[in-house]
């Protein structure tokens, strides 16, 4: 499962709690990963992965988002991933819960 591969990779590289779903007890700064789409052609899989960077301020969320983008550029070093392109990234603050976050969406080709 590509989400688990990316979750483990980001947590190891950034030292920030990284989860596939929200859970209680998370610190102010953490990452959430969500697969928003995918497909397969000739046994090669594709996935659209959204990574949400949460922090205590908008600046810190944006800064964490930049670290995520830099780290994901190197994800092609993993055996499971052969291509990783940034699709878009943007301020995605959760106004209903008053939580600062950014979101980066990546198009990934993997095995």
PDB file of N, CA and C in Angstrom:
ATOM      1  N   UNK A   1       0.843  -1.168   0.000  1.00  0.00           N
ATOM      2  CA  UNK A   1       0.000   0.000   0.000  1.00  0.00           C
ATOM      3  C   UNK A   1       0.896   1.241   0.000  1.00  0.00           C
ATOM      4  N   UNK A   2       0.784   2.061  -1.032  1.00  0.00           N
ATOM      5  CA  UNK A   2       1.673   3.196  -1.219  1.00  0.00           C
ATOM      6  C   UNK A   2       1.535   4.232  -0.098  1.00  0.00           C
ATOM      7  N   UNK A   3       0.348   4.374   0.468  1.00  0.00           N
ATOM      8  CA  UNK A   3       0.161   5.325   1.560  1.00  0.00           C
ATOM      9  C   UNK A   3       1.061   4.982   2.752  1.00  0.00           C
ATOM     10  N   UNK A   4       1.150   3.706   3.066  1.00  0.00           N
ATOM     11  CA  UNK A   4       1.983   3.249   4.197  1.00  0.00           C
ATOM     12  C   UNK A   4       3.458   3.486   3.895  1.00  0.00           C
ATOM     13  N   UNK A   5       3.863   3.233   2.660  1.00  0.00           N
ATOM     14  CA  UNK A   5       5.256   3.465   2.260  1.00  0.00           C
ATOM     15  C   UNK A   5       5.614   4.937   2.459  1.00  0.00           C
ATOM     16  N   UNK A   6       4.752   5.814   2.002  1.00  0.00           N
ATOM     17  CA  UNK A   6       5.008   7.251   2.121  1.00  0.00           C
ATOM     18  C   UNK A   6       4.930   7.697   3.579  1.00  0.00           C
ATOM     19  N   UNK A   7       3.975   7.187   4.320  1.00  0.00           N
ATOM     20  CA  UNK A   7       3.847   7.529   5.738  1.00  0.00           C
ATOM     21  C   UNK A   7       5.138   7.200   6.489  1.00  0.00           C
ATOM     22  N   UNK A   8       5.629   5.984   6.327  1.00  0.00           N
ATOM     23  CA  UNK A   8       6.853   5.562   7.016  1.00  0.00           C
ATOM     24  C   UNK A   8       8.048   6.396   6.569  1.00  0.00           C
ATOM     25  N   UNK A   9       8.135   6.676   5.274  1.00  0.00           N
ATOM     26  CA  UNK A   9       9.243   7.451   4.722  1.00  0.00           C
ATOM     27  C   UNK A   9       9.261   8.876   5.298  1.00  0.00           C
ATOM     28  N   UNK A  10       8.122   9.549   5.280  1.00  0.00           N
ATOM     29  CA  UNK A  10       8.073  10.931   5.778  1.00  0.00           C
ATOM     30  C   UNK A  10       8.345  10.993   7.278  1.00  0.00           C
ATOM     31  N   UNK A  11       7.795  10.058   8.023  1.00  0.00           N
ATOM     32  CA  UNK A  11       8.018  10.066   9.472  1.00  0.00           C
ATOM     33  C   UNK A  11       9.496   9.860   9.785  1.00  0.00           C
ATOM     34  N   UNK A  12      10.130   8.963   9.051  1.00  0.00           N
ATOM     35  CA  UNK A  12      11.557   8.702   9.261  1.00  0.00           C
ATOM     36  C   UNK A  12      12.408   9.904   8.851  1.00  0.00           C
ATOM     37  N   UNK A  13      12.119  10.493   7.708  1.00  0.00           N
ATOM     38  CA  UNK A  13      12.927  11.589   7.180  1.00  0.00           C
ATOM     39  C   UNK A  13      12.714  12.910   7.928  1.00  0.00           C
ATOM     40  N   UNK A  14      11.478  13.190   8.331  1.00  0.00           N
ATOM     41  CA  UNK A  14      11.162  14.491   8.931  1.00  0.00           C
ATOM     42  C   UNK A  14      11.036  14.456  10.450  1.00  0.00           C
ATOM     43  N   UNK A  15      10.859  13.275  11.017  1.00  0.00           N
ATOM     44  CA  UNK A  15      10.706  13.171  12.459  1.00  0.00           C
ATOM     45  C   UNK A  15       9.418  13.802  12.971  1.00  0.00           C
ATOM     46  N   UNK A  16       8.408  13.856  12.113  1.00  0.00           N
ATOM     47  CA  UNK A  16       7.110  14.438  12.454  1.00  0.00           C
ATOM     48  C   UNK A  16       6.076  13.309  12.438  1.00  0.00           C
ATOM     49  N   UNK A  17       5.218  13.231  13.450  1.00  0.00           N
ATOM     50  CA  UNK A  17       4.185  12.195  13.422  1.00  0.00           C
ATOM     51  C   UNK A  17       3.394  12.262  12.111  1.00  0.00           C
ATOM     52  N   UNK A  18       3.269  11.113  11.450  1.00  0.00           N
ATOM     53  CA  UNK A  18       2.599  11.038  10.152  1.00  0.00           C
ATOM     54  C   UNK A  18       1.570   9.918  10.232  1.00  0.00           C
ATOM     55  N   UNK A  19       0.336  10.252   9.886  1.00  0.00           N
ATOM     56  CA  UNK A  19      -0.762   9.298  10.035  1.00  0.00           C
ATOM     57  C   UNK A  19      -1.613   9.237   8.769  1.00  0.00           C
ATOM     58  N   UNK A  20      -2.408   8.173   8.674  1.00  0.00           N
ATOM     59  CA  UNK A  20      -3.360   8.027   7.577  1.00  0.00           C
ATOM     60  C   UNK A  20      -4.731   8.563   7.964  1.00  0.00           C
ATOM     61  N   UNK A  21      -4.945   8.786   9.251  1.00  0.00           N
ATOM     62  CA  UNK A  21      -6.187   9.381   9.716  1.00  0.00           C
ATOM     63  C   UNK A  21      -5.931  10.122  11.021  1.00  0.00           C
ATOM     64  N   UNK A  22      -6.808  11.074  11.285  1.00  0.00           N
ATOM     65  CA  UNK A  22      -6.725  11.877  12.513  1.00  0.00           C
ATOM     66  C   UNK A  22      -6.914  10.964  13.719  1.00  0.00           C
ATOM     67  N   UNK A  23      -6.145  11.238  14.767  1.00  0.00           N
ATOM     68  CA  UNK A  23      -6.310  10.485  16.008  1.00  0.00           C
ATOM     69  C   UNK A  23      -6.063  11.425  17.180  1.00  0.00           C
ATOM     70  N   UNK A  24      -6.559  11.076  18.321  1.00  0.00           N
ATOM     71  CA  UNK A  24      -6.378  11.921  19.501  1.00  0.00           C
ATOM     72  C   UNK A  24      -4.941  11.841  19.982  1.00  0.00           C
ATOM     73  N   UNK A  25      -4.504  12.894  20.632  1.00  0.00           N
ATOM     74  CA  UNK A  25      -3.173  12.909  21.225  1.00  0.00           C
ATOM     75  C   UNK A  25      -2.050  13.331  20.297  1.00  0.00           C
ATOM     76  N   UNK A  26      -2.367  13.762  19.088  1.00  0.00           N
ATOM     77  CA  UNK A  26      -1.320  14.224  18.178  1.00  0.00           C
ATOM     78  C   UNK A  26      -0.810  15.588  18.644  1.00  0.00           C
ATOM     79  N   UNK A  27       0.485  15.863  18.452  1.00  0.00           N
ATOM     80  CA  UNK A  27       1.008  17.176  18.829  1.00  0.00           C
ATOM     81  C   UNK A  27       0.495  18.254  17.868  1.00  0.00           C
ATOM     82  N   UNK A  28       0.903  19.498  18.093  1.00  0.00           N
ATOM     83  CA  UNK A  28       0.452  20.595  17.226  1.00  0.00           C
ATOM     84  C   UNK A  28       0.929  20.426  15.790  1.00  0.00           C
ATOM     85  N   UNK A  29       2.102  19.791  15.603  1.00  0.00           N
ATOM     86  CA  UNK A  29       2.660  19.630  14.259  1.00  0.00           C
ATOM     87  C   UNK A  29       2.637  18.152  13.869  1.00  0.00           C
ATOM     88  N   UNK A  30       1.965  17.865  12.759  1.00  0.00           N
ATOM     89  CA  UNK A  30       1.882  16.489  12.270  1.00  0.00           C
ATOM     90  C   UNK A  30       1.455  16.502  10.810  1.00  0.00           C
ATOM     91  N   UNK A  31       1.517  15.319  10.172  1.00  0.00           N
ATOM     92  CA  UNK A  31       1.130  15.156   8.774  1.00  0.00           C
ATOM     93  C   UNK A  31       0.010  14.122   8.663  1.00  0.00           C
ATOM     94  N   UNK A  32      -0.906  14.383   7.744  1.00  0.00           N
ATOM     95  CA  UNK A  32      -1.934  13.403   7.390  1.00  0.00           C
ATOM     96  C   UNK A  32      -1.792  13.085   5.907  1.00  0.00           C
ATOM     97  N   UNK A  33      -1.896  11.813   5.561  1.00  0.00           N
ATOM     98  CA  UNK A  33      -1.763  11.364   4.177  1.00  0.00           C
ATOM     99  C   UNK A  33      -3.094  10.767   3.730  1.00  0.00           C
ATOM    100  N   UNK A  34      -3.480  11.112   2.493  1.00  0.00           N
ATOM    101  CA  UNK A  34      -4.713  10.564   1.934  1.00  0.00           C
ATOM    102  C   UNK A  34      -4.501  10.268   0.451  1.00  0.00           C
ATOM    103  N   UNK A  35      -4.858   9.074   0.046  1.00  0.00           N
ATOM    104  CA  UNK A  35      -4.843   8.735  -1.374  1.00  0.00           C
ATOM    105  C   UNK A  35      -6.158   9.216  -1.964  1.00  0.00           C
ATOM    106  N   UNK A  36      -6.070  10.124  -2.942  1.00  0.00           N
ATOM    107  CA  UNK A  36      -7.282  10.713  -3.508  1.00  0.00           C
ATOM    108  C   UNK A  36      -7.657  10.119  -4.861  1.00  0.00           C
ATOM    109  N   UNK A  37      -6.792   9.273  -5.412  1.00  0.00           N
ATOM    110  CA  UNK A  37      -7.094   8.635  -6.686  1.00  0.00           C
ATOM    111  C   UNK A  37      -5.964   7.710  -7.074  1.00  0.00           C
ATOM    112  N   UNK A  38      -6.179   6.964  -8.134  1.00  0.00           N
ATOM    113  CA  UNK A  38      -5.138   6.057  -8.593  1.00  0.00           C
ATOM    114  C   UNK A  38      -5.603   5.230  -9.771  1.00  0.00           C
ATOM    115  N   UNK A  39      -4.684   4.474 -10.317  1.00  0.00           N
ATOM    116  CA  UNK A  39      -4.987   3.624 -11.454  1.00  0.00           C
ATOM    117  C   UNK A  39      -3.856   2.648 -11.689  1.00  0.00           C
ATOM    118  N   UNK A  40      -3.956   1.885 -12.789  1.00  0.00           N
ATOM    119  CA  UNK A  40      -2.909   0.926 -13.133  1.00  0.00           C
ATOM    120  C   UNK A  40      -2.921   0.712 -14.640  1.00  0.00           C
ATOM    121  N   UNK A  41      -1.713   0.650 -15.220  1.00  0.00           N
ATOM    122  CA  UNK A  41      -1.554   0.389 -16.647  1.00  0.00           C
ATOM    123  C   UNK A  41      -0.317  -0.477 -16.826  1.00  0.00           C
ATOM    124  N   UNK A  42      -0.477  -1.637 -17.442  1.00  0.00           N
ATOM    125  CA  UNK A  42       0.639  -2.571 -17.646  1.00  0.00           C
ATOM    126  C   UNK A  42       1.374  -2.896 -16.346  1.00  0.00           C
ATOM    127  N   UNK A  43       0.638  -3.164 -15.302  1.00  0.00           N
ATOM    128  CA  UNK A  43       1.160  -3.555 -13.993  1.00  0.00           C
ATOM    129  C   UNK A  43       1.927  -2.435 -13.287  1.00  0.00           C
ATOM    130  N   UNK A  44       1.844  -1.227 -13.777  1.00  0.00           N
ATOM    131  CA  UNK A  44       2.471  -0.079 -13.122  1.00  0.00           C
ATOM    132  C   UNK A  44       1.350   0.778 -12.554  1.00  0.00           C
ATOM    133  N   UNK A  45       1.429   1.051 -11.255  1.00  0.00           N
ATOM    134  CA  UNK A  45       0.367   1.752 -10.549  1.00  0.00           C
ATOM    135  C   UNK A  45       0.643   3.248 -10.479  1.00  0.00           C
ATOM    136  N   UNK A  46      -0.439   4.021 -10.443  1.00  0.00           N
ATOM    137  CA  UNK A  46      -0.339   5.454 -10.213  1.00  0.00           C
ATOM    138  C   UNK A  46      -1.221   5.809  -9.024  1.00  0.00           C
ATOM    139  N   UNK A  47      -0.855   6.882  -8.347  1.00  0.00           N
ATOM    140  CA  UNK A  47      -1.640   7.344  -7.207  1.00  0.00           C
ATOM    141  C   UNK A  47      -1.533   8.853  -7.098  1.00  0.00           C
ATOM    142  N   UNK A  48      -2.630   9.468  -6.732  1.00  0.00           N
ATOM    143  CA  UNK A  48      -2.632  10.875  -6.341  1.00  0.00           C
ATOM    144  C   UNK A  48      -2.677  10.876  -4.819  1.00  0.00           C
ATOM    145  N   UNK A  49      -1.665  11.474  -4.215  1.00  0.00           N
ATOM    146  CA  UNK A  49      -1.534  11.471  -2.766  1.00  0.00           C
ATOM    147  C   UNK A  49      -1.550  12.909  -2.252  1.00  0.00           C
ATOM    148  N   UNK A  50      -2.454  13.178  -1.313  1.00  0.00           N
ATOM    149  CA  UNK A  50      -2.522  14.490  -0.666  1.00  0.00           C
ATOM    150  C   UNK A  50      -1.862  14.380   0.705  1.00  0.00           C
ATOM    151  N   UNK A  51      -0.953  15.305   0.976  1.00  0.00           N
ATOM    152  CA  UNK A  51      -0.265  15.336   2.264  1.00  0.00           C
ATOM    153  C   UNK A  51      -0.591  16.661   2.933  1.00  0.00           C
ATOM    154  N   UNK A  52      -1.248  16.570   4.073  1.00  0.00           N
ATOM    155  CA  UNK A  52      -1.632  17.768   4.815  1.00  0.00           C
ATOM    156  C   UNK A  52      -0.640  18.007   5.947  1.00  0.00           C
ATOM    157  N   UNK A  53      -0.108  19.224   5.979  1.00  0.00           N
ATOM    158  CA  UNK A  53       0.855  19.640   7.002  1.00  0.00           C
ATOM    159  C   UNK A  53       0.155  20.528   8.013  1.00  0.00           C
ATOM    160  N   UNK A  54       0.038  20.068   9.246  1.00  0.00           N
ATOM    161  CA  UNK A  54      -0.599  20.817  10.320  1.00  0.00           C
ATOM    162  C   UNK A  54       0.466  21.420  11.230  1.00  0.00           C
ATOM    163  N   UNK A  55       0.212  22.640  11.720  1.00  0.00           N
ATOM    164  CA  UNK A  55       1.100  23.237  12.706  1.00  0.00           C
ATOM    165  C   UNK A  55       0.359  24.312  13.484  1.00  0.00           C
ATOM    166  N   UNK A  56       1.063  24.942  14.414  1.00  0.00           N
ATOM    167  CA  UNK A  56       0.443  25.892  15.331  1.00  0.00           C
ATOM    168  C   UNK A  56       0.246  27.284  14.729  1.00  0.00           C
ATOM    169  N   UNK A  57       0.874  27.565  13.593  1.00  0.00           N
ATOM    170  CA  UNK A  57       0.685  28.848  12.912  1.00  0.00           C
ATOM    171  C   UNK A  57       0.692  28.601  11.406  1.00  0.00           C
ATOM    172  N   UNK A  58       0.171  29.556  10.674  1.00  0.00           N
ATOM    173  CA  UNK A  58       0.156  29.426   9.218  1.00  0.00           C
ATOM    174  C   UNK A  58       1.574  29.362   8.671  1.00  0.00           C
ATOM    175  N   UNK A  59       2.460  30.176   9.226  1.00  0.00           N
ATOM    176  CA  UNK A  59       3.858  30.170   8.788  1.00  0.00           C
ATOM    177  C   UNK A  59       4.495  28.798   9.019  1.00  0.00           C
ATOM    178  N   UNK A  60       4.291  28.230  10.200  1.00  0.00           N
ATOM    179  CA  UNK A  60       4.879  26.920  10.502  1.00  0.00           C
ATOM    180  C   UNK A  60       4.292  25.820   9.626  1.00  0.00           C
ATOM    181  N   UNK A  61       3.001  25.909   9.324  1.00  0.00           N
ATOM    182  CA  UNK A  61       2.382  24.926   8.426  1.00  0.00           C
ATOM    183  C   UNK A  61       2.970  25.044   7.027  1.00  0.00           C
ATOM    184  N   UNK A  62       3.183  26.274   6.553  1.00  0.00           N
ATOM    185  CA  UNK A  62       3.791  26.491   5.233  1.00  0.00           C
ATOM    186  C   UNK A  62       5.235  25.991   5.209  1.00  0.00           C
ATOM    187  N   UNK A  63       5.956  26.234   6.296  1.00  0.00           N
ATOM    188  CA  UNK A  63       7.345  25.775   6.388  1.00  0.00           C
ATOM    189  C   UNK A  63       7.421  24.240   6.380  1.00  0.00           C
ATOM    190  N   UNK A  64       6.526  23.589   7.119  1.00  0.00           N
ATOM    191  CA  UNK A  64       6.475  22.121   7.121  1.00  0.00           C
ATOM    192  C   UNK A  64       6.116  21.608   5.732  1.00  0.00           C
ATOM    193  N   UNK A  65       5.197  22.278   5.051  1.00  0.00           N
ATOM    194  CA  UNK A  65       4.820  21.910   3.690  1.00  0.00           C
ATOM    195  C   UNK A  65       6.038  21.957   2.757  1.00  0.00           C
ATOM    196  N   UNK A  66       6.879  22.964   2.907  1.00  0.00           N
ATOM    197  CA  UNK A  66       8.092  23.060   2.091  1.00  0.00           C
ATOM    198  C   UNK A  66       9.029  21.880   2.355  1.00  0.00           C
ATOM    199  N   UNK A  67       9.150  21.489   3.615  1.00  0.00           N
ATOM    200  CA  UNK A  67       9.981  20.326   3.955  1.00  0.00           C
ATOM    201  C   UNK A  67       9.410  19.051   3.335  1.00  0.00           C
ATOM    202  N   UNK A  68       8.080  18.938   3.352  1.00  0.00           N
ATOM    203  CA  UNK A  68       7.429  17.772   2.735  1.00  0.00           C
ATOM    204  C   UNK A  68       7.750  17.722   1.246  1.00  0.00           C
ATOM    205  N   UNK A  69       7.637  18.853   0.565  1.00  0.00           N
ATOM    206  CA  UNK A  69       7.906  18.890  -0.880  1.00  0.00           C
ATOM    207  C   UNK A  69       9.359  18.517  -1.178  1.00  0.00           C
ATOM    208  N   UNK A  70      10.295  19.037  -0.397  1.00  0.00           N
ATOM    209  CA  UNK A  70      11.713  18.690  -0.592  1.00  0.00           C
ATOM    210  C   UNK A  70      11.952  17.202  -0.368  1.00  0.00           C
ATOM    211  N   UNK A  71      11.350  16.668   0.677  1.00  0.00           N
ATOM    212  CA  UNK A  71      11.534  15.256   1.009  1.00  0.00           C
ATOM    213  C   UNK A  71      10.901  14.353  -0.043  1.00  0.00           C
ATOM    214  N   UNK A  72       9.723  14.719  -0.530  1.00  0.00           N
ATOM    215  CA  UNK A  72       9.046  13.904  -1.537  1.00  0.00           C
ATOM    216  C   UNK A  72       9.816  13.881  -2.861  1.00  0.00           C
ATOM    217  N   UNK A  73      10.588  14.922  -3.154  1.00  0.00           N
ATOM    218  CA  UNK A  73      11.434  14.905  -4.364  1.00  0.00           C
ATOM    219  C   UNK A  73      12.389  13.720  -4.340  1.00  0.00           C
ATOM    220  N   UNK A  74      12.843  13.350  -3.147  1.00  0.00           N
ATOM    221  CA  UNK A  74      13.798  12.250  -3.001  1.00  0.00           C
ATOM    222  C   UNK A  74      13.134  10.892  -2.797  1.00  0.00           C
ATOM    223  N   UNK A  75      11.805  10.861  -2.808  1.00  0.00           N
ATOM    224  CA  UNK A  75      11.111   9.588  -2.584  1.00  0.00           C
ATOM    225  C   UNK A  75      11.371   8.588  -3.707  1.00  0.00           C
ATOM    226  N   UNK A  76      11.859   9.055  -4.844  1.00  0.00           N
ATOM    227  CA  UNK A  76      12.164   8.127  -5.939  1.00  0.00           C
ATOM    228  C   UNK A  76      13.337   7.214  -5.604  1.00  0.00           C
ATOM    229  N   UNK A  77      14.048   7.521  -4.518  1.00  0.00           N
ATOM    230  CA  UNK A  77      15.111   6.630  -4.054  1.00  0.00           C
ATOM    231  C   UNK A  77      14.548   5.350  -3.429  1.00  0.00           C
ATOM    232  N   UNK A  78      13.264   5.369  -3.074  1.00  0.00           N
ATOM    233  CA  UNK A  78      12.624   4.176  -2.521  1.00  0.00           C
ATOM    234  C   UNK A  78      12.385   3.153  -3.628  1.00  0.00           C
ATOM    235  N   UNK A  79      12.478   1.881  -3.294  1.00  0.00           N
ATOM    236  CA  UNK A  79      12.289   0.818  -4.280  1.00  0.00           C
ATOM    237  C   UNK A  79      10.882   0.808  -4.876  1.00  0.00           C
ATOM    238  N   UNK A  80       9.885   1.239  -4.102  1.00  0.00           N
ATOM    239  CA  UNK A  80       8.492   1.175  -4.548  1.00  0.00           C
ATOM    240  C   UNK A  80       8.074   2.313  -5.471  1.00  0.00           C
ATOM    241  N   UNK A  81       8.835   3.407  -5.490  1.00  0.00           N
ATOM    242  CA  UNK A  81       8.418   4.606  -6.227  1.00  0.00           C
ATOM    243  C   UNK A  81       9.386   4.871  -7.373  1.00  0.00           C
ATOM    244  N   UNK A  82       8.829   5.064  -8.585  1.00  0.00           N
ATOM    245  CA  UNK A  82       9.698   5.363  -9.728  1.00  0.00           C
ATOM    246  C   UNK A  82       9.496   6.777 -10.257  1.00  0.00           C
ATOM    247  N   UNK A  83       8.445   7.465  -9.807  1.00  0.00           N
ATOM    248  CA  UNK A  83       8.239   8.861 -10.217  1.00  0.00           C
ATOM    249  C   UNK A  83       7.355   9.557  -9.184  1.00  0.00           C
ATOM    250  N   UNK A  84       7.703  10.808  -8.885  1.00  0.00           N
ATOM    251  CA  UNK A  84       6.919  11.599  -7.947  1.00  0.00           C
ATOM    252  C   UNK A  84       6.940  13.049  -8.414  1.00  0.00           C
ATOM    253  N   UNK A  85       5.776  13.557  -8.815  1.00  0.00           N
ATOM    254  CA  UNK A  85       5.650  14.932  -9.300  1.00  0.00           C
ATOM    255  C   UNK A  85       4.688  15.700  -8.419  1.00  0.00           C
ATOM    256  N   UNK A  86       5.075  16.923  -8.069  1.00  0.00           N
ATOM    257  CA  UNK A  86       4.177  17.797  -7.333  1.00  0.00           C
ATOM    258  C   UNK A  86       3.086  18.271  -8.278  1.00  0.00           C
ATOM    259  N   UNK A  87       1.845  18.002  -7.941  1.00  0.00           N
ATOM    260  CA  UNK A  87       0.698  18.443  -8.734  1.00  0.00           C
ATOM    261  C   UNK A  87       0.325  19.870  -8.339  1.00  0.00           C
ATOM    262  N   UNK A  88       0.174  20.112  -7.038  1.00  0.00           N
ATOM    263  CA  UNK A  88      -0.145  21.455  -6.532  1.00  0.00           C
ATOM    264  C   UNK A  88       0.066  21.479  -5.021  1.00  0.00           C
ATOM    265  N   UNK A  89       0.180  22.689  -4.477  1.00  0.00           N
ATOM    266  CA  UNK A  89       0.183  22.856  -3.025  1.00  0.00           C
ATOM    267  C   UNK A  89      -0.428  24.209  -2.701  1.00  0.00           C
ATOM    268  N   UNK A  90      -1.066  24.277  -1.538  1.00  0.00           N
ATOM    269  CA  UNK A  90      -1.837  25.469  -1.218  1.00  0.00           C
ATOM    270  C   UNK A  90      -2.207  25.495   0.261  1.00  0.00           C
ATOM    271  N   UNK A  91      -2.570  26.705   0.728  1.00  0.00           N
ATOM    272  CA  UNK A  91      -3.086  26.890   2.070  1.00  0.00           C
ATOM    273  C   UNK A  91      -4.432  26.161   2.154  1.00  0.00           C
ATOM    274  N   UNK A  92      -4.585  25.323   3.149  1.00  0.00           N
ATOM    275  CA  UNK A  92      -5.789  24.519   3.300  1.00  0.00           C
ATOM    276  C   UNK A  92      -6.264  24.568   4.753  1.00  0.00           C
ATOM    277  N   UNK A  93      -6.176  25.764   5.343  1.00  0.00           N
ATOM    278  CA  UNK A  93      -6.523  25.939   6.745  1.00  0.00           C
ATOM    279  C   UNK A  93      -7.942  25.456   7.018  1.00  0.00           C
ATOM    280  N   UNK A  94      -8.078  24.694   8.085  1.00  0.00           N
ATOM    281  CA  UNK A  94      -9.373  24.168   8.513  1.00  0.00           C
ATOM    282  C   UNK A  94     -10.031  25.223   9.391  1.00  0.00           C
ATOM    283  N   UNK A  95     -10.866  26.059   8.790  1.00  0.00           N
ATOM    284  CA  UNK A  95     -11.476  27.170   9.522  1.00  0.00           C
ATOM    285  C   UNK A  95     -12.506  26.702  10.546  1.00  0.00           C
ATOM    286  N   UNK A  96     -13.157  25.574  10.306  1.00  0.00           N
ATOM    287  CA  UNK A  96     -14.167  25.098  11.253  1.00  0.00           C
ATOM    288  C   UNK A  96     -13.531  24.639  12.565  1.00  0.00           C
ATOM    289  N   UNK A  97     -12.331  24.080  12.489  1.00  0.00           N
ATOM    290  CA  UNK A  97     -11.639  23.628  13.701  1.00  0.00           C
ATOM    291  C   UNK A  97     -10.523  24.579  14.118  1.00  0.00           C
ATOM    292  N   UNK A  98     -10.339  25.633  13.341  1.00  0.00           N
ATOM    293  CA  UNK A  98      -9.296  26.636  13.608  1.00  0.00           C
ATOM    294  C   UNK A  98      -7.922  25.985  13.715  1.00  0.00           C
ATOM    295  N   UNK A  99      -7.586  25.179  12.687  1.00  0.00           N
ATOM    296  CA  UNK A  99      -6.286  24.513  12.626  1.00  0.00           C
ATOM    297  C   UNK A  99      -5.592  24.928  11.333  1.00  0.00           C
ATOM    298  N   UNK A 100      -4.348  25.382  11.477  1.00  0.00           N
ATOM    299  CA  UNK A 100      -3.567  25.785  10.311  1.00  0.00           C
ATOM    300  C   UNK A 100      -3.022  24.559   9.602  1.00  0.00           C
ATOM    301  N   UNK A 101      -3.177  24.543   8.273  1.00  0.00           N
ATOM    302  CA  UNK A 101      -2.622  23.431   7.500  1.00  0.00           C
ATOM    303  C   UNK A 101      -2.372  23.887   6.065  1.00  0.00           C
ATOM    304  N   UNK A 102      -1.431  23.216   5.454  1.00  0.00           N
ATOM    305  CA  UNK A 102      -1.178  23.325   4.022  1.00  0.00           C
ATOM    306  C   UNK A 102      -1.388  21.943   3.439  1.00  0.00           C
ATOM    307  N   UNK A 103      -1.668  21.883   2.143  1.00  0.00           N
ATOM    308  CA  UNK A 103      -1.812  20.594   1.480  1.00  0.00           C
ATOM    309  C   UNK A 103      -0.986  20.580   0.211  1.00  0.00           C
ATOM    310  N   UNK A 104      -0.235  19.509   0.033  1.00  0.00           N
ATOM    311  CA  UNK A 104       0.529  19.271  -1.191  1.00  0.00           C
ATOM    312  C   UNK A 104       0.003  17.981  -1.813  1.00  0.00           C
ATOM    313  N   UNK A 105      -0.257  18.023  -3.113  1.00  0.00           N
ATOM    314  CA  UNK A 105      -0.772  16.860  -3.833  1.00  0.00           C
ATOM    315  C   UNK A 105       0.305  16.384  -4.804  1.00  0.00           C
ATOM    316  N   UNK A 106       0.592  15.092  -4.748  1.00  0.00           N
ATOM    317  CA  UNK A 106       1.637  14.500  -5.579  1.00  0.00           C
ATOM    318  C   UNK A 106       1.041  13.425  -6.489  1.00  0.00           C
ATOM    319  N   UNK A 107       1.538  13.367  -7.714  1.00  0.00           N
ATOM    320  CA  UNK A 107       1.217  12.283  -8.642  1.00  0.00           C
ATOM    321  C   UNK A 107       2.386  11.312  -8.591  1.00  0.00           C
ATOM    322  N   UNK A 108       2.106  10.095  -8.193  1.00  0.00           N
ATOM    323  CA  UNK A 108       3.151   9.106  -7.952  1.00  0.00           C
ATOM    324  C   UNK A 108       2.950   7.899  -8.858  1.00  0.00           C
ATOM    325  N   UNK A 109       4.049   7.422  -9.430  1.00  0.00           N
ATOM    326  CA  UNK A 109       4.073   6.171 -10.189  1.00  0.00           C
ATOM    327  C   UNK A 109       4.849   5.176  -9.315  1.00  0.00           C
ATOM    328  N   UNK A 110       4.244   4.023  -9.077  1.00  0.00           N
ATOM    329  CA  UNK A 110       4.876   3.066  -8.151  1.00  0.00           C
ATOM    330  C   UNK A 110       4.585   1.630  -8.587  1.00  0.00           C
ATOM    331  N   UNK A 111       5.301   0.713  -7.947  1.00  0.00           N
ATOM    332  CA  UNK A 111       5.147  -0.716  -8.260  1.00  0.00           C
ATOM    333  C   UNK A 111       4.274  -1.387  -7.240  1.00  0.00           C
TER     334      UNK A 111
END
